[in-house]
C-alpha atoms as a PDB file:
ATOM      1  CA  MET A   1      -2.980  54.326 -23.719  1.00  0.00           C
ATOM      2  CA  ARG A   2      -2.108  52.691 -20.163  1.00  0.00           C
ATOM      3  CA  ARG A   3      -5.922  52.199 -19.549  1.00  0.00           C
ATOM      4  CA  SER A   4      -6.538  49.881 -23.080  1.00  0.00           C
ATOM      5  CA  LEU A   5      -3.095  48.022 -21.895  1.00  0.00           C
ATOM      6  CA  LEU A   6      -4.511  47.510 -18.680  1.00  0.00           C
ATOM      7  CA  ALA A   7      -7.301  45.840 -20.646  1.00  0.00           C
ATOM      8  CA  ALA A   8      -5.933  43.967 -22.994  1.00  0.00           C
ATOM      9  CA  VAL A   9      -4.022  41.979 -20.160  1.00  0.00           C
ATOM     10  CA  LEU A  10      -7.081  41.569 -17.871  1.00  0.00           C
ATOM     11  CA  LEU A  11      -9.458  40.196 -20.821  1.00  0.00           C
ATOM     12  CA  ALA A  12      -6.422  37.653 -21.920  1.00  0.00           C
ATOM     13  CA  LEU A  13      -5.841  36.778 -18.859  1.00  0.00           C
ATOM     14  CA  PRO A  14      -8.449  33.956 -18.493  1.00  0.00           C
ATOM     15  CA  GLY A  15      -7.068  32.340 -21.484  1.00  0.00           C
ATOM     16  CA  VAL A  16      -3.408  32.507 -20.214  1.00  0.00           C
ATOM     17  CA  ILE A  17      -4.711  30.913 -17.183  1.00  0.00           C
ATOM     18  CA  GLY A  18      -6.977  28.454 -18.971  1.00  0.00           C
ATOM     19  CA  SER A  19      -4.162  27.205 -21.758  1.00  0.00           C
ATOM     20  CA  ALA A  20      -1.626  26.402 -18.525  1.00  0.00           C
ATOM     21  CA  GLY A  21      -4.129  24.474 -16.903  1.00  0.00           C
ATOM     22  CA  ALA A  22      -4.324  22.568 -20.071  1.00  0.00           C
ATOM     23  CA  GLU A  23      -0.968  22.013 -19.710  1.00  0.00           C
ATOM     24  CA  ALA A  24      -0.631  21.027 -16.171  1.00  0.00           C
ATOM     25  CA  ARG A  25      -3.295  18.217 -17.204  1.00  0.00           C
ATOM     26  CA  HIS A  26      -1.192  16.979 -20.156  1.00  0.00           C
ATOM     27  CA  TYR A  27       1.923  16.570 -17.770  1.00  0.00           C
ATOM     28  CA  ASN A  28      -0.113  14.259 -15.654  1.00  0.00           C
ATOM     29  CA  VAL A  29      -0.382  11.709 -17.837  1.00  0.00           C
ATOM     30  CA  ARG A  30       2.438   9.005 -17.227  1.00  0.00           C
ATOM     31  CA  ASN A  31       3.441   6.121 -19.230  1.00  0.00           C
ATOM     32  CA  ALA A  32       3.380   3.010 -17.036  1.00  0.00           C
ATOM     33  CA  ASP A  33       6.249   0.836 -18.102  1.00  0.00           C
ATOM     34  CA  PRO A  34       5.926  -2.483 -16.335  1.00  0.00           C
ATOM     35  CA  ALA A  35       7.904  -3.296 -13.324  1.00  0.00           C
ATOM     36  CA  GLU A  36       9.113  -6.663 -15.598  1.00  0.00           C
ATOM     37  CA  THR A  37      11.055  -4.624 -18.085  1.00  0.00           C
ATOM     38  CA  ARG A  38      13.357  -2.562 -16.107  1.00  0.00           C
ATOM     39  CA  THR A  39      17.100  -2.564 -16.252  1.00  0.00           C
ATOM     40  CA  ILE A  40      17.129  -4.697 -12.723  1.00  0.00           C
ATOM     41  CA  PRO A  41      13.455  -6.011 -13.917  1.00  0.00           C
ATOM     42  CA  PHE A  42      10.925  -7.553 -11.120  1.00  0.00           C
ATOM     43  CA  THR A  43       9.169 -11.234 -11.761  1.00  0.00           C
ATOM     44  CA  GLY A  44       5.761 -10.400 -10.916  1.00  0.00           C
ATOM     45  CA  ARG A  45       5.407 -13.139  -8.556  1.00  0.00           C
ATOM     46  CA  TYR A  46       5.280 -13.344  -4.930  1.00  0.00           C
ATOM     47  CA  PRO A  47       3.307 -15.505  -2.671  1.00  0.00           C
ATOM     48  CA  ALA A  48      -0.559 -15.992  -2.269  1.00  0.00           C
ATOM     49  CA  CYS A  49      -2.797 -14.205   0.315  1.00  0.00           C
ATOM     50  CA  GLN A  50      -3.147 -17.526   1.487  1.00  0.00           C
ATOM     51  CA  ASP A  51       0.168 -19.324   1.632  1.00  0.00           C
ATOM     52  CA  PRO A  52       1.001 -20.812   4.749  1.00  0.00           C
ATOM     53  CA  ALA A  53       4.754 -19.427   4.912  1.00  0.00           C
ATOM     54  CA  VAL A  54       2.776 -15.368   4.674  1.00  0.00           C
ATOM     55  CA  LEU A  55       0.215 -16.390   7.041  1.00  0.00           C
ATOM     56  CA  SER A  56       3.370 -17.536   9.499  1.00  0.00           C
ATOM     57  CA  ARG A  57       5.282 -14.691   8.942  1.00  0.00           C
ATOM     58  CA  ILE A  58       2.874 -12.477   9.974  1.00  0.00           C
ATOM     59  CA  GLN A  59       1.956 -14.954  13.408  1.00  0.00           C
ATOM     60  CA  SER A  60       5.553 -14.892  14.176  1.00  0.00           C
ATOM     61  CA  ARG A  61       6.434 -11.075  13.638  1.00  0.00           C
ATOM     62  CA  PHE A  62       3.196  -9.924  15.112  1.00  0.00           C
ATOM     63  CA  ALA A  63       4.228 -12.632  18.701  1.00  0.00           C
ATOM     64  CA  HIS A  64       7.459 -10.779  18.582  1.00  0.00           C
ATOM     65  CA  ARG A  65       6.441  -7.226  18.192  1.00  0.00           C
ATOM     66  CA  GLU A  66       4.124  -7.987  21.249  1.00  0.00           C
ATOM     67  CA  ALA A  67       6.372  -9.254  23.138  1.00  0.00           C
ATOM     68  CA  GLY A  68       9.373  -6.987  22.544  1.00  0.00           C
ATOM     69  CA  TYR A  69       7.567  -4.157  22.296  1.00  0.00           C
ATOM     70  CA  TRP A  70       4.458  -3.911  24.076  1.00  0.00           C
ATOM     71  CA  ASN A  71       4.996  -6.401  26.932  1.00  0.00           C
ATOM     72  CA  SER A  72       2.166  -8.652  25.862  1.00  0.00           C
ATOM     73  CA  GLY A  73       1.862 -11.938  25.592  1.00  0.00           C
ATOM     74  CA  LEU A  74      -0.969 -11.607  22.657  1.00  0.00           C
ATOM     75  CA  THR A  75      -0.498 -13.934  20.048  1.00  0.00           C
ATOM     76  CA  ILE A  76      -2.441 -14.975  16.531  1.00  0.00           C
ATOM     77  CA  VAL A  77      -3.273 -18.512  16.764  1.00  0.00           C
ATOM     78  CA  GLY A  78      -4.520 -19.187  13.513  1.00  0.00           C
ATOM     79  CA  PHE A  79      -6.664 -17.430  10.438  1.00  0.00           C
ATOM     80  CA  ASP A  80      -9.732 -17.623   8.387  1.00  0.00           C
ATOM     81  CA  HIS A  81     -11.392 -16.156   5.563  1.00  0.00           C
ATOM     82  CA  VAL A  82      -8.591 -15.229   3.823  1.00  0.00           C
ATOM     83  CA  ARG A  83      -9.188 -12.894   0.629  1.00  0.00           C
ATOM     84  CA  THR A  84      -7.351 -11.003  -1.845  1.00  0.00           C
ATOM     85  CA  LEU A  85      -8.495  -7.225  -1.969  1.00  0.00           C
ATOM     86  CA  ALA A  86      -6.441  -6.289  -4.804  1.00  0.00           C
ATOM     87  CA  HIS A  87      -3.746  -7.568  -7.042  1.00  0.00           C
ATOM     88  CA  ARG A  88      -1.043  -4.409  -8.250  1.00  0.00           C
ATOM     89  CA  PRO A  89      -3.708  -2.020  -7.661  1.00  0.00           C
ATOM     90  CA  TRP A  90      -1.937   1.221  -8.930  1.00  0.00           C
ATOM     91  CA  GLY A  91      -0.653  -0.583 -11.758  1.00  0.00           C
ATOM     92  CA  PRO A  92       2.111  -2.581 -13.551  1.00  0.00           C
ATOM     93  CA  ASP A  93       5.111   0.164 -13.277  1.00  0.00           C
ATOM     94  CA  PHE A  94       4.999  -0.504  -9.592  1.00  0.00           C
ATOM     95  CA  VAL A  95       6.692  -2.796  -7.445  1.00  0.00           C
ATOM     96  CA  PRO A  96       4.563  -5.925  -7.848  1.00  0.00           C
ATOM     97  CA  ARG A  97       2.501  -6.827  -4.598  1.00  0.00           C
ATOM     98  CA  GLY A  98      -1.160  -8.068  -3.811  1.00  0.00           C
ATOM     99  CA  PHE A  99      -3.003  -6.936  -0.876  1.00  0.00           C
ATOM    100  CA  CYS A 100      -5.066  -9.418   1.634  1.00  0.00           C
ATOM    101  CA  SER A 101      -7.405  -9.553   4.127  1.00  0.00           C
ATOM    102  CA  ALA A 102      -8.183 -11.678   6.717  1.00  0.00           C
ATOM    103  CA  ARG A 103      -9.912 -12.636   9.899  1.00  0.00           C
ATOM    104  CA  ALA A 104      -7.304 -13.801  13.063  1.00  0.00           C
ATOM    105  CA  HIS A 105      -8.070 -15.845  15.990  1.00  0.00           C
ATOM    106  CA  MET A 106      -6.039 -14.059  18.803  1.00  0.00           C
ATOM    107  CA  SER A 107      -4.663 -15.956  21.837  1.00  0.00           C
ATOM    108  CA  ASP A 108      -7.586 -14.032  23.980  1.00  0.00           C
ATOM    109  CA  GLY A 109     -10.409 -15.344  22.130  1.00  0.00           C
ATOM    110  CA  ARG A 110     -11.319 -12.526  20.313  1.00  0.00           C
ATOM    111  CA  ILE A 111     -11.081 -12.667  16.280  1.00  0.00           C
ATOM    112  CA  ARG A 112      -9.670  -9.044  14.274  1.00  0.00           C
ATOM    113  CA  ARG A 113      -9.311  -7.921  11.093  1.00  0.00           C
ATOM    114  CA  VAL A 114      -5.817  -8.293   9.615  1.00  0.00           C
ATOM    115  CA  ASP A 115      -4.903  -5.695   6.507  1.00  0.00           C
ATOM    116  CA  TYR A 116      -1.841  -7.254   4.774  1.00  0.00           C
ATOM    117  CA  ALA A 117       0.348  -6.812   1.231  1.00  0.00           C
ATOM    118  CA  VAL A 118       2.602  -9.193   0.063  1.00  0.00           C
ATOM    119  CA  GLY A 119       4.918  -8.270  -2.759  1.00  0.00           C
ATOM    120  CA  GLU A 120       8.080  -9.064  -4.416  1.00  0.00           C
ATOM    121  CA  ASP A 121      11.633  -8.005  -2.989  1.00  0.00           C
ATOM    122  CA  LEU A 122      10.256  -6.487  -0.196  1.00  0.00           C
ATOM    123  CA  GLY A 123      11.937  -8.726   2.322  1.00  0.00           C
ATOM    124  CA  THR A 124      15.007  -8.784   3.410  1.00  0.00           C
ATOM    125  CA  LEU A 125      17.518  -6.713   1.693  1.00  0.00           C
ATOM    126  CA  GLY A 126      14.978  -6.660  -1.176  1.00  0.00           C
ATOM    127  CA  VAL A 127      15.591 -10.048  -2.416  1.00  0.00           C
ATOM    128  CA  THR A 128      13.046 -11.988  -1.458  1.00  0.00           C
ATOM    129  CA  TRP A 129       9.253 -11.338  -1.068  1.00  0.00           C
ATOM    130  CA  GLY A 130       8.115  -9.572   2.028  1.00  0.00           C
ATOM    131  CA  VAL A 131       4.498  -8.826   3.691  1.00  0.00           C
ATOM    132  CA  THR A 132       3.540  -5.801   5.560  1.00  0.00           C
ATOM    133  CA  TRP A 133       0.805  -6.116   7.905  1.00  0.00           C
ATOM    134  CA  CYS A 134      -1.682  -4.670  10.583  1.00  0.00           C
ATOM    135  CA  VAL A 135      -4.073  -6.329  12.965  1.00  0.00           C
ATOM    136  CA  SER A 136      -7.028  -3.706  13.680  1.00  0.00           C
ATOM    137  CA  GLY A 137      -7.242  -2.293  17.058  1.00  0.00           C
ATOM    138  CA  LEU A 138      -3.855  -3.300  17.332  1.00  0.00           C
ATOM    139  CA  ASP A 139      -1.643  -0.842  15.840  1.00  0.00           C
ATOM    140  CA  ARG A 140      -0.944   0.809  19.195  1.00  0.00           C
ATOM    141  CA  ASN A 141       1.431   3.287  17.118  1.00  0.00           C
ATOM    142  CA  TYR A 142      -1.008   4.129  14.441  1.00  0.00           C
ATOM    143  CA  ALA A 143       1.611   3.270  11.827  1.00  0.00           C
ATOM    144  CA  PHE A 144      -1.596   2.600   9.550  1.00  0.00           C
ATOM    145  CA  GLY A 145      -3.524   5.200  10.335  1.00  0.00           C
ATOM    146  CA  ALA A 146      -7.222   4.614  11.525  1.00  0.00           C
ATOM    147  CA  ASP A 147      -8.576   0.778  11.797  1.00  0.00           C
ATOM    148  CA  CYS A 148      -5.780   0.088   9.336  1.00  0.00           C
ATOM    149  CA  ARG A 149      -6.371   1.928   7.011  1.00  0.00           C
ATOM    150  CA  ALA A 150      -3.233   2.275   5.143  1.00  0.00           C
ATOM    151  CA  ALA A 151      -2.566  -1.266   4.899  1.00  0.00           C
ATOM    152  CA  ARG A 152      -5.825  -1.662   2.284  1.00  0.00           C
ATOM    153  CA  PRO A 153      -5.396  -0.475  -1.580  1.00  0.00           C
END
């Protein structure tokens, strides 16, 4: 009797595991409600990658960080090859943001890649647009990982 019960359980086990896997896959499906339809909605508006205010903010914050934390006089003197990498790549239900890349001309004569994200309500107290950025080769504490990988979509 015990052997037949054990055999029945062992024969039924793959079916139970298979259906549990199907249920788990079913729950991974998301219903994406756009961020603009929330109780406190986003507008979906933020500056473009090439907006002078965005590039100026990166320049000033980079200079402040270099002087204040790394005791360096290194600055960004200009940008070129500014391009958009992605617009809202994770879908409409996430905070609206765009991912960008540019070449930064540094005060030491070198040219480095800058990856940055401009997003709605990511600024001061979440009431204005904000920008997060990473200069390749100068992420000294690896906040964005090797070669600023986490700053890209």
